[in-house]
All heavy atoms as atom14 arrays in JSON, in Angstrom:
{
  "sequence": "AQICIAVGAGDQEAWLAVEDSGVGMDEDFVQQKL",
  "atom14_mask": [
    [1, 1, 1, 1, 1, 0, 0, 0, 0, 0, 0, 0, 0, 0],
    [1, 1, 1, 1, 1, 1, 1, 1, 1, 0, 0, 0, 0, 0],
    [1, 1, 1, 1, 1, 1, 1, 1, 0, 0, 0, 0, 0, 0],
    [1, 1, 1, 1, 1, 1, 0, 0, 0, 0, 0, 0, 0, 0],
    [1, 1, 1, 1, 1, 1, 1, 1, 0, 0, 0, 0, 0, 0],
    [1, 1, 1, 1, 1, 0, 0, 0, 0, 0, 0, 0, 0, 0],
    [1, 1, 1, 1, 1, 1, 1, 0, 0, 0, 0, 0, 0, 0],
    [1, 1, 1, 1, 0, 0, 0, 0, 0, 0, 0, 0, 0, 0],
    [1, 1, 1, 1, 1, 0, 0, 0, 0, 0, 0, 0, 0, 0],
    [1, 1, 1, 1, 0, 0, 0, 0, 0, 0, 0, 0, 0, 0],
    [1, 1, 1, 1, 1, 1, 1, 1, 0, 0, 0, 0, 0, 0],
    [1, 1, 1, 1, 1, 1, 1, 1, 1, 0, 0, 0, 0, 0],
    [1, 1, 1, 1, 1, 1, 1, 1, 1, 0, 0, 0, 0, 0],
    [1, 1, 1, 1, 1, 0, 0, 0, 0, 0, 0, 0, 0, 0],
    [1, 1, 1, 1, 1, 1, 1, 1, 1, 1, 1, 1, 1, 1],
    [1, 1, 1, 1, 1, 1, 1, 1, 0, 0, 0, 0, 0, 0],
    [1, 1, 1, 1, 1, 0, 0, 0, 0, 0, 0, 0, 0, 0],
    [1, 1, 1, 1, 1, 1, 1, 0, 0, 0, 0, 0, 0, 0],
    [1, 1, 1, 1, 1, 1, 1, 1, 1, 0, 0, 0, 0, 0],
    [1, 1, 1, 1, 1, 1, 1, 1, 0, 0, 0, 0, 0, 0],
    [1, 1, 1, 1, 1, 1, 0, 0, 0, 0, 0, 0, 0, 0],
    [1, 1, 1, 1, 0, 0, 0, 0, 0, 0, 0, 0, 0, 0],
    [1, 1, 1, 1, 1, 1, 1, 0, 0, 0, 0, 0, 0, 0],
    [1, 1, 1, 1, 0, 0, 0, 0, 0, 0, 0, 0, 0, 0],
    [1, 1, 1, 1, 1, 1, 1, 1, 0, 0, 0, 0, 0, 0],
    [1, 1, 1, 1, 1, 1, 1, 1, 0, 0, 0, 0, 0, 0],
    [1, 1, 1, 1, 1, 1, 1, 1, 1, 0, 0, 0, 0, 0],
    [1, 1, 1, 1, 1, 1, 1, 1, 0, 0, 0, 0, 0, 0],
    [1, 1, 1, 1, 1, 1, 1, 1, 1, 1, 1, 0, 0, 0],
    [1, 1, 1, 1, 1, 1, 1, 0, 0, 0, 0, 0, 0, 0],
    [1, 1, 1, 1, 1, 1, 1, 1, 1, 0, 0, 0, 0, 0],
    [1, 1, 1, 1, 1, 1, 1, 1, 1, 0, 0, 0, 0, 0],
    [1, 1, 1, 1, 1, 1, 1, 1, 1, 0, 0, 0, 0, 0],
    [1, 1, 1, 1, 1, 1, 1, 1, 0, 0, 0, 0, 0, 0]
  ],
  "atom14_positions": [
    [[130.1, 118.94, 101.98], [131.35, 119.7, 101.86], [132.5, 118.74, 101.6], [132.72, 117.77, 102.34], [131.6, 120.51, 103.13], [0.0, 0.0, 0.0], [0.0, 0.0, 0.0], [0.0, 0.0, 0.0], [0.0, 0.0, 0.0], [0.0, 0.0, 0.0], [0.0, 0.0, 0.0], [0.0, 0.0, 0.0], [0.0, 0.0, 0.0], [0.0, 0.0, 0.0]],
    [[133.23, 119.01, 100.55], [134.33, 118.11, 100.17], [135.53, 118.29, 101.1], [135.87, 119.39, 101.52], [134.74, 118.4, 98.73], [135.72, 117.35, 98.17], [136.12, 117.67, 96.75], [136.71, 118.72, 96.48], [135.77, 116.75, 95.82], [0.0, 0.0, 0.0], [0.0, 0.0, 0.0], [0.0, 0.0, 0.0], [0.0, 0.0, 0.0], [0.0, 0.0, 0.0]],
    [[136.21, 117.16, 101.39], [137.44, 117.15, 102.19], [138.59, 116.84, 101.26], [138.49, 115.93, 100.41], [137.35, 116.13, 103.33], [136.28, 116.55, 104.34], [138.7, 115.97, 104.03], [135.98, 115.52, 105.38], [0.0, 0.0, 0.0], [0.0, 0.0, 0.0], [0.0, 0.0, 0.0], [0.0, 0.0, 0.0], [0.0, 0.0, 0.0], [0.0, 0.0, 0.0]],
    [[139.67, 117.56, 101.42], [140.83, 117.39, 100.55], [142.0, 116.81, 101.33], [142.34, 117.31, 102.42], [141.22, 118.73, 99.92], [142.69, 118.61, 98.85], [0.0, 0.0, 0.0], [0.0, 0.0, 0.0], [0.0, 0.0, 0.0], [0.0, 0.0, 0.0], [0.0, 0.0, 0.0], [0.0, 0.0, 0.0], [0.0, 0.0, 0.0], [0.0, 0.0, 0.0]],
    [[142.64, 115.75, 100.79], [143.89, 115.21, 101.32], [144.98, 115.59, 100.33], [145.02, 115.07, 99.21], [143.83, 113.68, 101.5], [142.68, 113.27, 102.41], [145.17, 113.17, 102.07], [142.52, 111.76, 102.56], [0.0, 0.0, 0.0], [0.0, 0.0, 0.0], [0.0, 0.0, 0.0], [0.0, 0.0, 0.0], [0.0, 0.0, 0.0], [0.0, 0.0, 0.0]],
    [[145.84, 116.52, 100.74], [146.9, 117.01, 99.86], [148.21, 116.32, 100.21], [148.5, 116.05, 101.38], [147.04, 118.53, 100.0], [0.0, 0.0, 0.0], [0.0, 0.0, 0.0], [0.0, 0.0, 0.0], [0.0, 0.0, 0.0], [0.0, 0.0, 0.0], [0.0, 0.0, 0.0], [0.0, 0.0, 0.0], [0.0, 0.0, 0.0], [0.0, 0.0, 0.0]],
    [[149.01, 116.01, 99.2], [150.3, 115.33, 99.38], [151.37, 116.19, 98.73], [151.2, 116.66, 97.59], [150.28, 113.92, 98.76], [151.63, 113.24, 98.97], [149.15, 113.09, 99.33], [0.0, 0.0, 0.0], [0.0, 0.0, 0.0], [0.0, 0.0, 0.0], [0.0, 0.0, 0.0], [0.0, 0.0, 0.0], [0.0, 0.0, 0.0], [0.0, 0.0, 0.0]],
    [[152.5, 116.4, 99.43], [153.58, 117.18, 98.88], [154.89, 116.83, 99.54], [154.96, 116.07, 100.51], [0.0, 0.0, 0.0], [0.0, 0.0, 0.0], [0.0, 0.0, 0.0], [0.0, 0.0, 0.0], [0.0, 0.0, 0.0], [0.0, 0.0, 0.0], [0.0, 0.0, 0.0], [0.0, 0.0, 0.0], [0.0, 0.0, 0.0], [0.0, 0.0, 0.0]],
    [[156.0, 117.36, 99.01], [157.32, 117.06, 99.54], [158.26, 118.21, 99.24], [158.1, 118.93, 98.24], [157.87, 115.76, 98.96], [0.0, 0.0, 0.0], [0.0, 0.0, 0.0], [0.0, 0.0, 0.0], [0.0, 0.0, 0.0], [0.0, 0.0, 0.0], [0.0, 0.0, 0.0], [0.0, 0.0, 0.0], [0.0, 0.0, 0.0], [0.0, 0.0, 0.0]],
    [[159.26, 118.39, 100.12], [160.34, 119.34, 99.91], [161.67, 118.62, 99.87], [161.73, 117.4, 99.64], [0.0, 0.0, 0.0], [0.0, 0.0, 0.0], [0.0, 0.0, 0.0], [0.0, 0.0, 0.0], [0.0, 0.0, 0.0], [0.0, 0.0, 0.0], [0.0, 0.0, 0.0], [0.0, 0.0, 0.0], [0.0, 0.0, 0.0], [0.0, 0.0, 0.0]],
    [[162.76, 119.35, 100.14], [164.08, 118.72, 100.1], [164.3, 117.76, 101.26], [164.89, 116.69, 101.09], [165.17, 119.81, 100.12], [165.14, 120.65, 98.85], [164.65, 120.13, 97.83], [165.6, 121.81, 98.91], [0.0, 0.0, 0.0], [0.0, 0.0, 0.0], [0.0, 0.0, 0.0], [0.0, 0.0, 0.0], [0.0, 0.0, 0.0], [0.0, 0.0, 0.0]],
    [[163.84, 118.15, 102.46], [164.09, 117.35, 103.66], [162.84, 116.71, 104.23], [162.94, 115.77, 105.0], [164.74, 118.23, 104.75], [166.04, 118.9, 104.34], [167.14, 117.87, 104.12], [167.17, 116.82, 104.76], [168.05, 118.16, 103.18], [0.0, 0.0, 0.0], [0.0, 0.0, 0.0], [0.0, 0.0, 0.0], [0.0, 0.0, 0.0], [0.0, 0.0, 0.0]],
    [[161.68, 117.22, 103.88], [160.45, 116.76, 104.52], [159.37, 116.48, 103.47], [159.34, 117.1, 102.4], [159.92, 117.8, 105.51], [160.85, 118.04, 106.7], [160.35, 119.13, 107.62], [159.64, 120.06, 107.12], [160.65, 119.08, 108.82], [0.0, 0.0, 0.0], [0.0, 0.0, 0.0], [0.0, 0.0, 0.0], [0.0, 0.0, 0.0], [0.0, 0.0, 0.0]],
    [[158.5, 115.55, 103.83], [157.3, 115.26, 103.04], [156.1, 115.44, 103.93], [156.2, 115.31, 105.16], [157.35, 113.84, 102.48], [0.0, 0.0, 0.0], [0.0, 0.0, 0.0], [0.0, 0.0, 0.0], [0.0, 0.0, 0.0], [0.0, 0.0, 0.0], [0.0, 0.0, 0.0], [0.0, 0.0, 0.0], [0.0, 0.0, 0.0], [0.0, 0.0, 0.0]],
    [[154.92, 115.73, 103.29], [153.77, 116.03, 104.13], [152.47, 115.55, 103.54], [152.33, 115.36, 102.33], [153.69, 117.52, 104.43], [153.83, 118.42, 103.22], [154.96, 118.97, 102.74], [152.78, 118.83, 102.34], [154.72, 119.7, 101.62], [153.37, 119.65, 101.36], [151.4, 118.6, 102.26], [152.64, 120.23, 100.32], [150.66, 119.19, 101.25], [151.28, 119.99, 100.29]],
    [[151.52, 115.34, 104.45], [150.14, 115.03, 104.12], [149.28, 116.06, 104.85], [149.45, 116.27, 106.06], [149.75, 113.63, 104.6], [150.25, 112.42, 103.81], [150.14, 111.17, 104.67], [149.45, 112.26, 102.53], [0.0, 0.0, 0.0], [0.0, 0.0, 0.0], [0.0, 0.0, 0.0], [0.0, 0.0, 0.0], [0.0, 0.0, 0.0], [0.0, 0.0, 0.0]],
    [[148.35, 116.68, 104.15], [147.49, 117.7, 104.76], [146.03, 117.32, 104.58], [145.61, 116.88, 103.49], [147.75, 119.07, 104.16], [0.0, 0.0, 0.0], [0.0, 0.0, 0.0], [0.0, 0.0, 0.0], [0.0, 0.0, 0.0], [0.0, 0.0, 0.0], [0.0, 0.0, 0.0], [0.0, 0.0, 0.0], [0.0, 0.0, 0.0], [0.0, 0.0, 0.0]],
    [[145.24, 117.46, 105.64], [143.8, 117.19, 105.62], [143.1, 118.53, 105.8], [143.22, 119.16, 106.87], [143.39, 116.19, 106.71], [141.88, 115.95, 106.67], [144.14, 114.87, 106.54], [0.0, 0.0, 0.0], [0.0, 0.0, 0.0], [0.0, 0.0, 0.0], [0.0, 0.0, 0.0], [0.0, 0.0, 0.0], [0.0, 0.0, 0.0], [0.0, 0.0, 0.0]],
    [[142.36, 118.96, 104.79], [141.7, 120.26, 104.81], [140.19, 120.06, 104.76], [139.68, 119.25, 104.0], [142.13, 121.13, 103.63], [143.63, 121.4, 103.59], [144.0, 122.25, 102.4], [143.14, 123.01, 101.89], [145.16, 122.17, 101.96], [0.0, 0.0, 0.0], [0.0, 0.0, 0.0], [0.0, 0.0, 0.0], [0.0, 0.0, 0.0], [0.0, 0.0, 0.0]],
    [[139.5, 120.83, 105.6], [138.04, 120.82, 105.57], [137.53, 122.25, 105.67], [138.28, 123.17, 106.02], [137.47, 119.96, 106.7], [137.72, 120.54, 108.08], [137.11, 121.57, 108.41], [138.55, 119.96, 108.84], [0.0, 0.0, 0.0], [0.0, 0.0, 0.0], [0.0, 0.0, 0.0], [0.0, 0.0, 0.0], [0.0, 0.0, 0.0], [0.0, 0.0, 0.0]],
    [[136.27, 122.42, 105.36], [135.63, 123.74, 105.44], [134.53, 123.73, 106.49], [133.46, 124.29, 106.3], [135.05, 124.14, 104.07], [134.16, 123.13, 103.6], [0.0, 0.0, 0.0], [0.0, 0.0, 0.0], [0.0, 0.0, 0.0], [0.0, 0.0, 0.0], [0.0, 0.0, 0.0], [0.0, 0.0, 0.0], [0.0, 0.0, 0.0], [0.0, 0.0, 0.0]],
    [[134.85, 123.04, 107.59], [133.85, 122.88, 108.65], [133.81, 124.04, 109.6], [134.18, 125.17, 109.28], [0.0, 0.0, 0.0], [0.0, 0.0, 0.0], [0.0, 0.0, 0.0], [0.0, 0.0, 0.0], [0.0, 0.0, 0.0], [0.0, 0.0, 0.0], [0.0, 0.0, 0.0], [0.0, 0.0, 0.0], [0.0, 0.0, 0.0], [0.0, 0.0, 0.0]],
    [[133.39, 123.74, 110.85], [133.15, 124.78, 111.85], [134.44, 125.41, 112.36], [134.45, 126.54, 112.86], [132.34, 124.21, 113.03], [130.96, 123.78, 112.56], [133.08, 123.05, 113.68], [0.0, 0.0, 0.0], [0.0, 0.0, 0.0], [0.0, 0.0, 0.0], [0.0, 0.0, 0.0], [0.0, 0.0, 0.0], [0.0, 0.0, 0.0], [0.0, 0.0, 0.0]],
    [[135.57, 124.67, 112.29], [136.84, 125.2, 112.77], [136.94, 125.23, 114.29], [136.01, 124.86, 115.01], [0.0, 0.0, 0.0], [0.0, 0.0, 0.0], [0.0, 0.0, 0.0], [0.0, 0.0, 0.0], [0.0, 0.0, 0.0], [0.0, 0.0, 0.0], [0.0, 0.0, 0.0], [0.0, 0.0, 0.0], [0.0, 0.0, 0.0], [0.0, 0.0, 0.0]],
    [[138.07, 125.7, 114.79], [138.34, 125.76, 116.24], [139.0, 127.09, 116.56], [139.75, 127.65, 115.75], [139.26, 124.61, 116.68], [138.69, 123.22, 116.42], [139.92, 121.92, 116.71], [140.98, 122.13, 115.26], [0.0, 0.0, 0.0], [0.0, 0.0, 0.0], [0.0, 0.0, 0.0], [0.0, 0.0, 0.0], [0.0, 0.0, 0.0], [0.0, 0.0, 0.0]],
    [[138.74, 127.57, 117.79], [139.41, 128.81, 118.18], [140.84, 128.51, 118.62], [141.22, 127.36, 118.89], [138.62, 129.52, 119.28], [138.46, 128.67, 120.54], [139.46, 128.08, 121.01], [137.33, 128.59, 121.07], [0.0, 0.0, 0.0], [0.0, 0.0, 0.0], [0.0, 0.0, 0.0], [0.0, 0.0, 0.0], [0.0, 0.0, 0.0], [0.0, 0.0, 0.0]],
    [[141.64, 129.58, 118.69], [143.06, 129.42, 119.0], [143.29, 128.85, 120.4], [144.19, 128.04, 120.62], [143.77, 130.77, 118.87], [145.27, 130.69, 119.07], [145.96, 132.03, 118.86], [145.26, 132.99, 118.46], [147.17, 132.11, 119.1], [0.0, 0.0, 0.0], [0.0, 0.0, 0.0], [0.0, 0.0, 0.0], [0.0, 0.0, 0.0], [0.0, 0.0, 0.0]],
    [[142.46, 129.25, 121.35], [142.62, 128.76, 122.72], [142.39, 127.25, 122.78], [143.13, 126.53, 123.46], [141.63, 129.48, 123.64], [141.77, 129.02, 125.08], [142.82, 129.31, 125.7], [140.84, 128.35, 125.59], [0.0, 0.0, 0.0], [0.0, 0.0, 0.0], [0.0, 0.0, 0.0], [0.0, 0.0, 0.0], [0.0, 0.0, 0.0], [0.0, 0.0, 0.0]],
    [[141.39, 126.74, 122.07], [141.14, 125.3, 122.07], [142.3, 124.55, 121.42], [142.72, 123.49, 121.91], [139.83, 124.99, 121.34], [139.46, 123.55, 121.36], [138.75, 123.01, 122.42], [139.82, 122.69, 120.31], [138.42, 121.66, 122.45], [139.49, 121.35, 120.33], [138.79, 120.82, 121.41], [0.0, 0.0, 0.0], [0.0, 0.0, 0.0], [0.0, 0.0, 0.0]],
    [[142.83, 125.09, 120.33], [143.95, 124.44, 119.66], [145.17, 124.36, 120.57], [145.86, 123.34, 120.65], [144.29, 125.18, 118.34], [145.58, 124.63, 117.74], [143.15, 125.06, 117.36], [0.0, 0.0, 0.0], [0.0, 0.0, 0.0], [0.0, 0.0, 0.0], [0.0, 0.0, 0.0], [0.0, 0.0, 0.0], [0.0, 0.0, 0.0], [0.0, 0.0, 0.0]],
    [[145.45, 125.46, 121.3], [146.64, 125.51, 122.13], [146.49, 124.7, 123.42], [147.44, 124.07, 123.88], [146.96, 126.97, 122.49], [147.33, 127.83, 121.3], [148.66, 127.4, 120.68], [149.55, 126.87, 121.37], [148.8, 127.61, 119.37], [0.0, 0.0, 0.0], [0.0, 0.0, 0.0], [0.0, 0.0, 0.0], [0.0, 0.0, 0.0], [0.0, 0.0, 0.0]],
    [[145.29, 124.7, 124.0], [145.13, 124.14, 125.34], [144.49, 122.75, 125.37], [144.8, 121.96, 126.26], [144.26, 125.1, 126.2], [144.81, 126.5, 126.32], [146.12, 126.55, 127.08], [146.36, 125.71, 127.95], [146.97, 127.51, 126.75], [0.0, 0.0, 0.0], [0.0, 0.0, 0.0], [0.0, 0.0, 0.0], [0.0, 0.0, 0.0], [0.0, 0.0, 0.0]],
    [[143.61, 122.42, 124.43], [142.79, 121.22, 124.59], [142.84, 120.24, 123.44], [142.48, 119.07, 123.63], [141.33, 121.63, 124.82], [141.1, 122.44, 126.08], [139.61, 122.76, 126.24], [139.36, 123.55, 127.52], [137.92, 123.88, 127.7], [0.0, 0.0, 0.0], [0.0, 0.0, 0.0], [0.0, 0.0, 0.0], [0.0, 0.0, 0.0], [0.0, 0.0, 0.0]],
    [[143.24, 120.68, 122.26], [143.1, 119.82, 121.08], [143.82, 118.49, 121.25], [143.26, 117.43, 120.94], [143.63, 120.56, 119.85], [143.64, 119.73, 118.54], [142.23, 119.27, 118.18], [144.27, 120.53, 117.41], [0.0, 0.0, 0.0], [0.0, 0.0, 0.0], [0.0, 0.0, 0.0], [0.0, 0.0, 0.0], [0.0, 0.0, 0.0], [0.0, 0.0, 0.0]]
  ]
}
């Protein structure tokens, strides 16, 4: 499965995004434990 590193910018902020198509995480894990 390919992983994508996306690069972009706006007026005030610039960003790097790491996207995968893996197993993912539930909302509770993201909020409480990640």
